[in-house]
Amino acid sequence: QVQLAESGGGSVQAGGSLRLSCLASGKTWTIGGMAWYRQAPGKERELVARITRGKIPRDYADSVKGRFTISRDNDKNMVDLQMDNLRPEDTAVYYCYASSSGFDYWGQGTQVTGSA
């Protein structure tokens, strides 16, 4: 099994930056793709960005292109999300995701609040 733990959430004014980190533990050598998702109040969970095991970012949500950057360090078993120029509409709980041996794993989430 794989365990995921997010950190780095918080509250920031519009235009500010935050960096989220996700640390994987357990059978980390089995992890393939990883991603960040988010869920705003009253809305469905949506994909923010994915990254392959080979560290290739892909599938950024249109709303975050040019502002958010996903990255990965396989040696440290971490995936990060650098969020710049935050907007109030980025307010959500952000979840780390990992795919491993055909199973989906999720972190518990970290709150990000962008204030006007």
Protein backbone atom coordinates (compact mmCIF):
# COMPACT_ATOMS: atom_id res chain seq x y z
CA GLN A 1 0.00 0.00 0.00
CA VAL A 2 0.85 3.66 -0.39
CA GLN A 3 0.23 6.50 2.01
CA LEU A 4 0.14 10.16 0.96
CA ALA A 5 0.51 13.20 3.21
CA GLU A 6 -0.01 16.75 1.96
CA SER A 7 1.42 19.91 3.47
CA GLY A 8 1.76 23.57 2.63
CA GLY A 9 -1.82 24.77 2.49
CA GLY A 10 -2.93 28.07 3.93
CA SER A 11 -4.51 31.40 3.24
CA VAL A 12 -3.02 33.95 0.86
CA GLN A 13 -4.16 37.17 -0.74
CA ALA A 14 -4.99 37.28 -4.42
CA GLY A 15 -1.81 37.37 -6.45
CA GLY A 16 0.19 35.53 -3.82
CA SER A 17 1.91 32.16 -3.97
CA LEU A 18 1.81 28.87 -2.11
CA ARG A 19 3.68 25.62 -2.56
CA LEU A 20 1.99 22.34 -1.74
CA SER A 21 3.99 19.20 -1.08
CA CYS A 22 2.93 15.58 -0.97
CA LEU A 23 5.12 12.93 0.64
CA ALA A 24 4.52 9.32 -0.33
CA SER A 25 5.38 6.40 1.93
CA GLY A 26 4.90 2.65 1.88
CA LYS A 27 5.45 0.79 -1.38
CA THR A 28 6.66 3.89 -3.19
CA TRP A 29 8.49 1.89 -5.88
CA THR A 30 5.11 0.81 -7.20
CA ILE A 31 3.83 4.36 -7.79
CA GLY A 32 3.23 5.37 -11.38
CA GLY A 33 1.46 8.59 -12.19
CA MET A 34 0.72 11.19 -9.54
CA ALA A 35 -1.52 14.22 -9.56
CA TRP A 36 -3.10 17.06 -7.66
CA TYR A 37 -6.87 17.44 -7.52
CA ARG A 38 -9.01 20.01 -5.77
CA GLN A 39 -12.56 20.27 -4.50
CA ALA A 40 -14.25 23.56 -3.84
CA PRO A 41 -17.32 23.82 -1.59
CA GLY A 42 -20.41 22.53 -3.39
CA LYS A 43 -18.43 21.37 -6.40
CA GLU A 44 -17.07 18.09 -7.68
CA ARG A 45 -13.43 17.15 -7.29
CA GLU A 46 -11.45 18.26 -10.34
CA LEU A 47 -8.03 17.52 -11.75
CA VAL A 48 -5.48 20.30 -11.35
CA ALA A 49 -2.45 18.62 -12.96
CA ARG A 50 -0.83 15.22 -13.51
CA ILE A 51 2.77 14.13 -13.69
CA THR A 52 4.18 10.88 -14.98
CA ARG A 53 6.72 8.72 -13.20
CA GLY A 54 9.18 10.08 -15.73
CA LYS A 55 8.45 13.60 -14.38
CA ILE A 56 6.52 14.79 -17.42
CA PRO A 57 3.76 17.22 -16.44
CA ARG A 58 0.50 16.96 -18.31
CA ASP A 59 -3.21 17.73 -18.23
CA TYR A 60 -3.13 21.06 -16.45
CA ALA A 61 -6.63 22.39 -15.88
CA ASP A 62 -7.29 25.35 -18.17
CA SER A 63 -7.96 27.55 -15.17
CA VAL A 64 -4.44 27.04 -13.75
CA LYS A 65 -2.30 26.96 -16.91
CA GLY A 66 0.53 29.44 -16.68
CA ARG A 67 0.06 29.88 -12.93
CA PHE A 68 0.56 26.43 -11.38
CA THR A 69 3.49 24.06 -11.86
CA ILE A 70 3.60 20.41 -10.85
CA SER A 71 6.93 18.73 -10.18
CA ARG A 72 8.18 15.47 -8.77
CA ASP A 73 11.25 14.09 -6.99
CA ASN A 74 11.25 10.29 -7.12
CA ASP A 75 14.28 10.02 -4.83
CA LYS A 76 12.42 11.91 -2.11
CA ASN A 77 9.06 10.35 -2.98
CA MET A 78 7.50 13.78 -3.27
CA VAL A 79 5.28 15.66 -5.67
CA ASP A 80 4.87 19.42 -5.38
CA LEU A 81 2.46 21.99 -6.71
CA GLN A 82 3.77 25.53 -7.03
CA MET A 83 0.82 27.91 -7.16
CA ASP A 84 1.47 31.47 -8.28
CA ASN A 85 -0.87 34.39 -8.87
CA LEU A 86 -3.53 32.75 -6.73
CA ARG A 87 -7.13 33.81 -7.21
CA PRO A 88 -10.14 33.59 -4.90
CA GLU A 89 -11.58 30.92 -7.20
CA ASP A 90 -8.59 28.69 -6.41
CA THR A 91 -10.01 28.26 -2.92
CA ALA A 92 -10.48 24.53 -2.35
CA VAL A 93 -9.21 21.49 -0.55
CA TYR A 94 -6.28 20.15 -2.55
CA TYR A 95 -5.69 16.41 -2.68
CA CYS A 96 -2.62 14.45 -3.68
CA TYR A 97 -3.25 11.36 -5.80
CA ALA A 98 -1.11 8.39 -6.74
CA SER A 99 -1.68 5.39 -8.95
CA SER A 100 -0.06 2.16 -7.81
CA SER A 101 -0.52 -1.37 -9.15
CA GLY A 102 -3.97 -0.58 -10.45
CA PHE A 103 -5.15 1.09 -7.27
CA ASP A 104 -5.90 4.74 -6.54
CA TYR A 105 -4.52 6.39 -3.43
CA TRP A 106 -5.49 9.77 -1.98
CA GLY A 107 -4.14 12.03 0.68
CA GLN A 108 -6.38 13.62 3.30
CA GLY A 109 -6.26 17.02 1.65
CA THR A 110 -4.98 20.46 2.55
CA GLN A 111 -7.01 23.67 2.53
CA VAL A 112 -5.99 26.52 0.24
CA THR A 113 -7.80 29.82 0.54
CA GLY A 114 -7.28 32.71 -1.82
CA SER A 115 -8.75 35.94 -0.50
CA ALA A 116 -9.69 38.96 -2.57
